[in-house]
Each structure stands twice: as structure tokens, then as C-alpha cells.
């Protein structure tokens, strides 16, 4: 973490966690072969429709942390589940969930089905998280 993520007391600012969750989601999709440029090129927007966070214990400046994520699907909703842990000493800092829906960018309507290649990537990610 960087000093600009913290307040004057060296405690991570609550909003910094949200940016980290998005960075993790974008990177996870990129590694699976579906970077955001490909979603945009296909006319798909992944919009956040729900965000919930539970702060368990604050991270302090200089504390290394790890972010774990997994993906589940509920109809047209894609739920990203997160946990952030401090490494040493080890403790749970945050749990959260971000729900996305795919929107057709030209019609501005929820997509009931995704382009096949994107749907396959998401299903592979879901299966990977279940292993």
C-alpha cells in the first residue's frame, strides 16, 4: 500500500479498499483472457449494481496484505466475493461483495446472455474458484 492510501494516523482510508477490489477484478478478468477493452469492443458494459463491505480490522501503513477473490453467478448477476488479509501478523481486514450485470452498450439494457466467448471465460473462472 502507498502512503496516499492512508489517513494521518497511518490507517488505510476506507475508500482505498474499493479501488483495490476493482483492480483485482480487472486483473482477474485480464488473466482469464477478457480484458476490459474486449468487453467494450463487444458492446458490453459490466455495471456495478451492488456493493457491500464489512471492515473487520484496519490495515496500517507498512503492513503487507493479500486480496483473495472468487466469482459466482446468479442469473444475470455476477458476484465477486473478496477477502483482504494482513500478512504479518495475519488477520482478516475486510470482506466484501460486488455484484455486476452485463449491459448492452448500444441499447442500455441488461443482457440476458453474453457473447459466447465471454460467457465461457466467466464460466471457466467460476469453475476455477469452485476447485
Foldseek 3Di string as FASTA:
>chain_A
DDQVQDDPVQWGDPVVVVVVVVVVVQVVCVVLPHHVVNCVVQQKDWDWPDKDKDFDAIDGHPFDKDKDWAWDDDQQKIKIWIWIWGVVVTDTTMIMITIIGIARNVVRHTDRDDPPVSVVSRVVRNVVRVD
